[in-house]
């Protein structure tokens, strides 16, 4: 007797291409939202502040704003960190949600993204990256939720059974 599944993706393995693209697409939307919404609502001095916060993980706190201006090295390091973590998180979401419904995949994405938010903004901010404590706000929560929903939905829609 064949096991029952609640979604179209019955495979027991992860579709790597779909998972990687889920991380890239979710990561692009996340970063664009962060760069627009954080300064728009007064949580950052400019659109380049969020990438600077991410780059500071590798480059140190000297790259934090001010100035909140564009710096190619800082942005490139931020994007490498951001997209590497986005892809890793999307692969985890894909692994957990494979074979499930679209709604379940999106919920897995939200839960996983909020777990990362909690880890970075509450645990790592008190251990190694204190600048993330300044970014504990509703915009950060919303952007993480949107990332998770997009990563789960993209993977579900694109994964080959």
N, C-alpha and C. Protein backbone atom coordinates (compact mmCIF):
# COMPACT_ATOMS: atom_id res chain seq x y z
N UNK A 1 0.85 -1.18 0.00
CA UNK A 1 0.00 0.00 0.00
C UNK A 1 0.90 1.25 0.00
N UNK A 2 0.58 2.18 -0.87
CA UNK A 2 1.37 3.40 -0.99
C UNK A 2 0.98 4.39 0.10
N UNK A 3 1.98 5.08 0.72
CA UNK A 3 1.66 6.05 1.78
C UNK A 3 0.87 7.24 1.22
N UNK A 4 0.05 7.80 2.07
CA UNK A 4 -0.75 8.97 1.68
C UNK A 4 0.11 10.23 1.82
N UNK A 5 -0.08 11.17 0.90
CA UNK A 5 0.61 12.46 0.94
C UNK A 5 -0.40 13.56 0.75
N UNK A 6 -0.14 14.71 1.38
CA UNK A 6 -1.08 15.82 1.26
C UNK A 6 -0.64 16.87 0.26
N UNK A 7 0.34 16.58 -0.55
CA UNK A 7 0.80 17.54 -1.54
C UNK A 7 1.29 16.84 -2.79
N UNK A 8 1.56 17.61 -3.83
CA UNK A 8 1.96 17.01 -5.09
C UNK A 8 3.39 16.48 -5.11
N UNK A 9 4.24 16.90 -4.19
CA UNK A 9 5.64 16.51 -4.19
C UNK A 9 5.84 15.30 -3.29
N UNK A 10 5.76 14.11 -3.87
CA UNK A 10 5.80 12.88 -3.08
C UNK A 10 7.20 12.36 -2.85
N UNK A 11 8.17 13.00 -3.43
CA UNK A 11 9.54 12.52 -3.37
C UNK A 11 10.06 12.55 -1.94
N UNK A 12 10.91 11.58 -1.63
CA UNK A 12 11.53 11.56 -0.31
C UNK A 12 12.84 12.33 -0.30
N UNK A 13 13.28 12.80 -1.47
CA UNK A 13 14.51 13.59 -1.54
C UNK A 13 14.20 15.04 -1.88
N UNK A 14 15.13 15.88 -1.58
CA UNK A 14 14.98 17.31 -1.83
C UNK A 14 15.35 17.62 -3.27
N UNK A 15 14.58 18.46 -3.93
CA UNK A 15 14.91 18.98 -5.25
C UNK A 15 15.86 20.16 -4.99
N UNK A 16 17.15 19.92 -5.19
CA UNK A 16 18.18 20.90 -4.84
C UNK A 16 18.02 22.20 -5.60
N UNK A 17 17.73 22.11 -6.87
CA UNK A 17 17.57 23.32 -7.68
C UNK A 17 16.43 24.18 -7.14
N UNK A 18 15.29 23.55 -6.88
CA UNK A 18 14.14 24.29 -6.36
C UNK A 18 14.45 24.89 -4.99
N UNK A 19 15.18 24.15 -4.16
CA UNK A 19 15.51 24.64 -2.82
C UNK A 19 16.47 25.84 -2.90
N UNK A 20 17.47 25.73 -3.76
CA UNK A 20 18.42 26.83 -3.90
C UNK A 20 17.71 28.08 -4.43
N UNK A 21 16.89 27.90 -5.46
CA UNK A 21 16.15 29.04 -6.00
C UNK A 21 15.18 29.61 -4.98
N UNK A 22 14.60 28.78 -4.15
CA UNK A 22 13.70 29.27 -3.09
C UNK A 22 14.47 30.20 -2.15
N UNK A 23 15.71 29.83 -1.83
CA UNK A 23 16.55 30.69 -0.98
C UNK A 23 16.94 31.98 -1.66
N UNK A 24 17.26 31.90 -2.93
CA UNK A 24 17.66 33.11 -3.67
C UNK A 24 16.48 34.06 -3.81
N UNK A 25 15.34 33.54 -4.26
CA UNK A 25 14.16 34.40 -4.46
C UNK A 25 13.70 34.98 -3.13
N UNK A 26 13.58 34.15 -2.11
CA UNK A 26 13.20 34.65 -0.79
C UNK A 26 14.21 35.65 -0.26
N UNK A 27 15.50 35.38 -0.50
CA UNK A 27 16.55 36.28 -0.04
C UNK A 27 16.52 37.64 -0.71
N UNK A 28 16.23 37.66 -2.01
CA UNK A 28 16.13 38.93 -2.73
C UNK A 28 14.97 39.75 -2.17
N UNK A 29 13.81 39.13 -2.02
CA UNK A 29 12.64 39.85 -1.49
C UNK A 29 12.92 40.35 -0.08
N UNK A 30 13.50 39.51 0.75
CA UNK A 30 13.85 39.89 2.12
C UNK A 30 14.75 41.12 2.13
N UNK A 31 15.83 41.07 1.35
CA UNK A 31 16.80 42.17 1.37
C UNK A 31 16.19 43.46 0.85
N UNK A 32 15.41 43.38 -0.21
CA UNK A 32 14.78 44.58 -0.75
C UNK A 32 13.81 45.18 0.27
N UNK A 33 13.04 44.33 0.94
CA UNK A 33 12.12 44.83 1.97
C UNK A 33 12.88 45.49 3.12
N UNK A 34 13.94 44.84 3.58
CA UNK A 34 14.75 45.40 4.67
C UNK A 34 15.32 46.76 4.28
N UNK A 35 15.88 46.82 3.08
CA UNK A 35 16.54 48.06 2.64
C UNK A 35 15.55 49.19 2.41
N UNK A 36 14.31 48.88 2.09
CA UNK A 36 13.30 49.93 1.89
C UNK A 36 12.57 50.27 3.19
N UNK A 37 12.13 49.24 3.91
CA UNK A 37 11.26 49.48 5.07
C UNK A 37 11.99 49.97 6.31
N UNK A 38 13.21 49.50 6.55
CA UNK A 38 13.92 49.92 7.76
C UNK A 38 14.11 51.44 7.80
N UNK A 39 14.64 52.06 6.74
CA UNK A 39 14.74 53.53 6.80
C UNK A 39 13.39 54.23 6.69
N UNK A 40 12.47 53.65 5.93
CA UNK A 40 11.15 54.27 5.76
C UNK A 40 10.43 54.45 7.09
N UNK A 41 10.60 53.49 8.00
CA UNK A 41 9.92 53.56 9.29
C UNK A 41 10.85 54.02 10.41
N UNK A 42 12.01 54.55 10.06
CA UNK A 42 12.89 55.15 11.05
C UNK A 42 13.72 54.18 11.87
N UNK A 43 13.85 52.92 11.41
CA UNK A 43 14.64 51.94 12.13
C UNK A 43 16.09 51.88 11.68
N UNK A 44 16.43 52.60 10.60
CA UNK A 44 17.79 52.61 10.07
C UNK A 44 18.06 53.97 9.45
N UNK A 45 19.33 54.41 9.50
CA UNK A 45 19.66 55.73 8.95
C UNK A 45 19.66 55.79 7.43
N UNK A 46 19.61 54.66 6.76
CA UNK A 46 19.60 54.64 5.31
C UNK A 46 19.44 53.23 4.79
N UNK A 47 19.26 53.10 3.49
CA UNK A 47 19.01 51.79 2.91
C UNK A 47 20.20 50.84 2.99
N UNK A 48 21.40 51.37 3.16
CA UNK A 48 22.58 50.51 3.22
C UNK A 48 22.89 50.04 4.64
N UNK A 49 22.10 50.46 5.62
CA UNK A 49 22.33 50.02 7.00
C UNK A 49 22.11 48.51 7.18
N UNK A 50 21.02 47.93 6.65
CA UNK A 50 20.86 46.47 6.83
C UNK A 50 22.01 45.64 6.24
N UNK A 51 22.47 45.93 5.01
CA UNK A 51 23.63 45.17 4.53
C UNK A 51 24.87 45.38 5.40
N UNK A 52 25.06 46.57 5.92
CA UNK A 52 26.21 46.82 6.78
C UNK A 52 26.13 45.99 8.07
N UNK A 53 24.91 45.84 8.61
CA UNK A 53 24.75 45.01 9.81
C UNK A 53 25.12 43.56 9.52
N UNK A 54 24.73 43.07 8.37
CA UNK A 54 25.05 41.69 8.00
C UNK A 54 26.55 41.54 7.76
N UNK A 55 27.15 42.47 7.03
CA UNK A 55 28.58 42.40 6.73
C UNK A 55 29.42 42.47 8.00
N UNK A 56 28.93 43.17 9.00
CA UNK A 56 29.67 43.30 10.26
C UNK A 56 29.90 41.96 10.95
N UNK A 57 29.10 40.96 10.62
CA UNK A 57 29.31 39.62 11.16
C UNK A 57 30.70 39.12 10.79
N UNK A 58 31.13 39.40 9.56
CA UNK A 58 32.45 38.96 9.09
C UNK A 58 33.51 40.04 9.17
N UNK A 59 33.11 41.29 8.92
CA UNK A 59 34.10 42.37 8.83
C UNK A 59 34.32 43.13 10.13
N UNK A 60 33.45 42.90 11.11
CA UNK A 60 33.57 43.60 12.38
C UNK A 60 32.71 44.84 12.44
N UNK A 61 32.52 45.35 13.64
CA UNK A 61 31.59 46.45 13.88
C UNK A 61 32.02 47.78 13.28
N UNK A 62 33.24 47.87 12.80
CA UNK A 62 33.69 49.13 12.18
C UNK A 62 32.94 49.47 10.90
N UNK A 63 32.27 48.50 10.29
CA UNK A 63 31.52 48.78 9.05
C UNK A 63 30.08 49.21 9.32
N UNK A 64 29.69 49.21 10.59
CA UNK A 64 28.33 49.63 10.93
C UNK A 64 28.14 51.12 10.67
N UNK A 65 26.89 51.51 10.36
CA UNK A 65 26.66 52.94 10.15
C UNK A 65 26.75 53.71 11.46
N UNK A 66 27.09 55.01 11.43
CA UNK A 66 27.33 55.78 10.23
C UNK A 66 28.73 55.51 9.67
N UNK A 67 28.92 55.74 8.40
CA UNK A 67 27.91 56.22 7.46
C UNK A 67 27.07 55.04 6.97
N UNK A 68 25.86 55.33 6.59
CA UNK A 68 24.97 54.30 6.04
C UNK A 68 24.96 54.43 4.53
N UNK A 69 26.16 54.49 3.97
CA UNK A 69 26.32 54.69 2.53
C UNK A 69 26.74 53.39 1.86
N UNK A 70 26.73 53.40 0.54
CA UNK A 70 27.13 52.24 -0.24
C UNK A 70 28.63 52.06 -0.17
N UNK A 71 29.05 50.81 0.04
CA UNK A 71 30.46 50.43 -0.01
C UNK A 71 30.48 49.05 -0.67
N UNK A 72 31.15 48.93 -1.81
CA UNK A 72 31.10 47.70 -2.60
C UNK A 72 31.58 46.49 -1.80
N UNK A 73 32.67 46.61 -1.08
CA UNK A 73 33.19 45.49 -0.30
C UNK A 73 32.19 45.07 0.76
N UNK A 74 31.66 46.03 1.47
CA UNK A 74 30.68 45.73 2.53
C UNK A 74 29.46 45.05 1.94
N UNK A 75 28.94 45.58 0.85
CA UNK A 75 27.74 45.01 0.24
C UNK A 75 28.01 43.60 -0.28
N UNK A 76 29.16 43.38 -0.91
CA UNK A 76 29.48 42.04 -1.42
C UNK A 76 29.60 41.02 -0.29
N UNK A 77 30.25 41.40 0.80
CA UNK A 77 30.36 40.49 1.95
C UNK A 77 28.97 40.23 2.53
N UNK A 78 28.17 41.27 2.65
CA UNK A 78 26.81 41.11 3.18
C UNK A 78 26.00 40.17 2.31
N UNK A 79 26.11 40.31 1.00
CA UNK A 79 25.32 39.46 0.09
C UNK A 79 25.79 38.01 0.15
N UNK A 80 27.09 37.80 0.28
CA UNK A 80 27.59 36.42 0.40
C UNK A 80 27.04 35.77 1.67
N UNK A 81 27.09 36.48 2.77
CA UNK A 81 26.56 35.94 4.03
C UNK A 81 25.05 35.74 3.92
N UNK A 82 24.37 36.77 3.45
CA UNK A 82 22.91 36.72 3.38
C UNK A 82 22.41 35.59 2.48
N UNK A 83 22.97 35.49 1.27
CA UNK A 83 22.47 34.46 0.36
C UNK A 83 22.91 33.07 0.76
N UNK A 84 24.06 32.93 1.38
CA UNK A 84 24.46 31.61 1.88
C UNK A 84 23.49 31.14 2.96
N UNK A 85 23.16 32.04 3.88
CA UNK A 85 22.22 31.64 4.94
C UNK A 85 20.80 31.47 4.40
N UNK A 86 20.41 32.29 3.43
CA UNK A 86 19.08 32.15 2.82
C UNK A 86 18.94 30.80 2.14
N UNK A 87 19.97 30.41 1.40
CA UNK A 87 19.93 29.12 0.71
C UNK A 87 19.95 27.96 1.70
N UNK A 88 20.78 28.05 2.73
CA UNK A 88 20.80 26.97 3.74
C UNK A 88 19.45 26.83 4.43
N UNK A 89 18.84 27.97 4.76
CA UNK A 89 17.53 27.92 5.41
C UNK A 89 16.48 27.36 4.46
N UNK A 90 16.53 27.74 3.20
CA UNK A 90 15.57 27.21 2.22
C UNK A 90 15.75 25.71 2.03
N UNK A 91 16.98 25.22 2.06
CA UNK A 91 17.21 23.78 1.96
C UNK A 91 16.59 23.06 3.17
N UNK A 92 16.75 23.64 4.35
CA UNK A 92 16.13 23.04 5.54
C UNK A 92 14.61 23.05 5.41
N UNK A 93 14.06 24.15 4.94
CA UNK A 93 12.61 24.25 4.74
C UNK A 93 12.16 23.20 3.73
N UNK A 94 12.91 23.04 2.65
CA UNK A 94 12.58 22.05 1.62
C UNK A 94 12.61 20.65 2.20
N UNK A 95 13.63 20.35 2.98
CA UNK A 95 13.77 19.01 3.56
C UNK A 95 12.58 18.69 4.47
N UNK A 96 12.22 19.63 5.31
CA UNK A 96 11.12 19.41 6.26
C UNK A 96 9.77 19.37 5.56
N UNK A 97 9.59 20.20 4.53
CA UNK A 97 8.26 20.34 3.94
C UNK A 97 8.04 19.49 2.69
N UNK A 98 9.05 18.75 2.25
CA UNK A 98 8.88 17.96 1.02
C UNK A 98 7.69 16.99 1.18
N UNK A 99 6.90 16.95 0.13
CA UNK A 99 5.75 16.05 0.13
C UNK A 99 4.55 16.57 0.88
N UNK A 100 4.64 17.78 1.41
CA UNK A 100 3.53 18.36 2.17
C UNK A 100 2.75 19.34 1.29
N UNK A 101 1.67 19.86 1.81
CA UNK A 101 0.85 20.83 1.08
C UNK A 101 1.56 22.18 1.01
N UNK A 102 1.06 23.04 0.13
CA UNK A 102 1.58 24.40 0.00
C UNK A 102 1.47 25.13 1.33
N UNK A 103 0.33 25.04 1.97
CA UNK A 103 0.13 25.72 3.25
C UNK A 103 1.12 25.22 4.30
N UNK A 104 1.36 23.92 4.33
CA UNK A 104 2.32 23.36 5.29
C UNK A 104 3.73 23.83 4.97
N UNK A 105 4.09 23.85 3.69
CA UNK A 105 5.42 24.32 3.30
C UNK A 105 5.63 25.77 3.71
N UNK A 106 4.61 26.59 3.52
CA UNK A 106 4.72 28.00 3.91
C UNK A 106 4.81 28.14 5.42
N UNK A 107 4.06 27.33 6.16
CA UNK A 107 4.12 27.41 7.62
C UNK A 107 5.47 26.92 8.14
N UNK A 108 6.00 25.88 7.53
CA UNK A 108 7.35 25.42 7.89
C UNK A 108 8.34 26.56 7.66
N UNK A 109 8.20 27.26 6.53
CA UNK A 109 9.07 28.39 6.24
C UNK A 109 8.97 29.49 7.27
N UNK A 110 7.76 29.80 7.69
CA UNK A 110 7.57 30.85 8.70
C UNK A 110 8.20 30.44 10.03
N UNK A 111 7.94 29.21 10.46
CA UNK A 111 8.50 28.74 11.74
C UNK A 111 10.03 28.72 11.68
N UNK A 112 10.59 28.23 10.59
CA UNK A 112 12.05 28.18 10.45
C UNK A 112 12.64 29.60 10.44
N UNK A 113 12.00 30.50 9.72
CA UNK A 113 12.49 31.88 9.65
C UNK A 113 12.41 32.57 11.00
N UNK A 114 11.35 32.33 11.73
CA UNK A 114 11.23 32.94 13.05
C UNK A 114 12.23 32.33 14.04
N UNK A 115 12.56 31.07 13.85
CA UNK A 115 13.60 30.44 14.70
C UNK A 115 14.95 31.12 14.43
N UNK A 116 15.25 31.38 13.16
CA UNK A 116 16.49 32.09 12.82
C UNK A 116 16.46 33.51 13.38
N UNK A 117 15.32 34.17 13.25
CA UNK A 117 15.18 35.52 13.81
C UNK A 117 15.50 35.50 15.31
N UNK A 118 14.88 34.59 16.03
CA UNK A 118 15.12 34.49 17.47
C UNK A 118 16.58 34.21 17.79
N UNK A 119 17.18 33.30 17.04
CA UNK A 119 18.58 32.94 17.27
C UNK A 119 19.50 34.15 17.06
N UNK A 120 19.33 34.84 15.94
CA UNK A 120 20.22 35.97 15.62
C UNK A 120 19.93 37.18 16.50
N UNK A 121 18.66 37.56 16.62
CA UNK A 121 18.32 38.81 17.28
C UNK A 121 18.25 38.73 18.80
N UNK A 122 18.21 37.51 19.35
CA UNK A 122 18.15 37.39 20.81
C UNK A 122 19.34 36.63 21.38
N UNK A 123 19.79 35.57 20.73
CA UNK A 123 20.92 34.81 21.27
C UNK A 123 22.24 35.39 20.78
N UNK A 124 22.42 35.46 19.46
CA UNK A 124 23.70 35.95 18.94
C UNK A 124 23.92 37.43 19.25
N UNK A 125 22.84 38.19 19.38
CA UNK A 125 23.01 39.60 19.71
C UNK A 125 23.53 39.79 21.13
N UNK A 126 23.33 38.81 21.98
CA UNK A 126 23.87 38.93 23.34
C UNK A 126 25.21 38.23 23.49
N UNK A 127 25.62 37.46 22.48
CA UNK A 127 26.88 36.73 22.55
C UNK A 127 27.96 37.36 21.67
N UNK A 128 27.63 37.65 20.41
CA UNK A 128 28.68 38.07 19.48
C UNK A 128 28.32 39.28 18.62
N UNK A 129 27.07 39.50 18.33
CA UNK A 129 26.68 40.55 17.40
C UNK A 129 25.67 41.50 18.05
N UNK A 130 26.10 42.33 18.98
CA UNK A 130 25.16 43.17 19.73
C UNK A 130 24.37 44.15 18.87
N UNK A 131 24.87 44.49 17.70
CA UNK A 131 24.17 45.44 16.84
C UNK A 131 22.83 44.91 16.35
N UNK A 132 22.62 43.59 16.36
CA UNK A 132 21.33 43.06 15.92
C UNK A 132 20.23 43.35 16.94
N UNK A 133 20.59 43.59 18.19
CA UNK A 133 19.58 43.93 19.20
C UNK A 133 18.87 45.22 18.84
N UNK A 134 19.58 46.14 18.17
CA UNK A 134 18.98 47.42 17.77
C UNK A 134 17.91 47.23 16.69
N UNK A 135 17.96 46.11 16.00
CA UNK A 135 17.03 45.88 14.89
C UNK A 135 15.88 44.95 15.26
N UNK A 136 15.66 44.78 16.56
CA UNK A 136 14.49 44.00 16.99
C UNK A 136 13.26 44.88 16.82
N UNK A 137 12.53 44.68 15.75
CA UNK A 137 11.35 45.48 15.50
C UNK A 137 10.41 44.73 14.58
N UNK A 138 9.25 45.30 14.37
CA UNK A 138 8.23 44.62 13.57
C UNK A 138 8.65 44.45 12.11
N UNK A 139 9.48 45.36 11.58
CA UNK A 139 9.93 45.20 10.19
C UNK A 139 10.78 43.94 10.07
N UNK A 140 11.69 43.73 11.00
CA UNK A 140 12.52 42.52 10.97
C UNK A 140 11.67 41.26 11.08
N UNK A 141 10.67 41.29 11.92
CA UNK A 141 9.78 40.14 12.07
C UNK A 141 9.03 39.89 10.75
N UNK A 142 8.45 40.94 10.19
CA UNK A 142 7.69 40.79 8.94
C UNK A 142 8.58 40.29 7.80
N UNK A 143 9.78 40.84 7.67
CA UNK A 143 10.64 40.40 6.57
C UNK A 143 11.05 38.94 6.72
N UNK A 144 11.25 38.49 7.95
CA UNK A 144 11.56 37.07 8.17
C UNK A 144 10.35 36.20 7.83
N UNK A 145 9.17 36.63 8.23
CA UNK A 145 7.95 35.87 7.92
C UNK A 145 7.77 35.79 6.40
N UNK A 146 7.93 36.90 5.71
CA UNK A 146 7.78 36.91 4.25
C UNK A 146 8.80 35.99 3.60
N UNK A 147 10.05 36.04 4.06
CA UNK A 147 11.06 35.13 3.52
C UNK A 147 10.58 33.68 3.66
N UNK A 148 10.16 33.30 4.85
CA UNK A 148 9.74 31.92 5.08
C UNK A 148 8.58 31.50 4.21
N UNK A 149 7.61 32.39 4.06
CA UNK A 149 6.45 32.08 3.21
C UNK A 149 6.89 31.91 1.76
N UNK A 150 7.74 32.80 1.28
CA UNK A 150 8.20 32.71 -0.10
C UNK A 150 9.05 31.46 -0.32
N UNK A 151 9.97 31.19 0.58
CA UNK A 151 10.84 30.02 0.42
C UNK A 151 10.01 28.73 0.42
N UNK A 152 9.06 28.62 1.33
CA UNK A 152 8.22 27.43 1.37
C UNK A 152 7.35 27.31 0.13
N UNK A 153 6.73 28.40 -0.27
CA UNK A 153 5.85 28.39 -1.45
C UNK A 153 6.64 28.12 -2.72
N UNK A 154 7.78 28.80 -2.88
CA UNK A 154 8.58 28.62 -4.09
C UNK A 154 9.02 27.17 -4.20
N UNK A 155 9.52 26.61 -3.08
CA UNK A 155 9.98 25.22 -3.14
C UNK A 155 8.81 24.30 -3.50
N UNK A 156 7.71 24.46 -2.84
CA UNK A 156 6.55 23.61 -3.11
C UNK A 156 6.11 23.70 -4.57
N UNK A 157 6.07 24.90 -5.10
CA UNK A 157 5.60 25.11 -6.47
C UNK A 157 6.59 24.59 -7.52
N UNK A 158 7.87 24.62 -7.22
CA UNK A 158 8.89 24.29 -8.22
C UNK A 158 9.51 22.91 -8.07
N UNK A 159 9.39 22.28 -6.92
CA UNK A 159 10.04 20.99 -6.70
C UNK A 159 9.46 19.93 -7.62
N UNK A 160 10.35 19.14 -8.18
CA UNK A 160 9.93 18.01 -9.02
C UNK A 160 9.72 16.80 -8.15
N UNK A 161 8.59 16.16 -8.35
CA UNK A 161 8.28 14.96 -7.56
C UNK A 161 9.17 13.81 -7.97
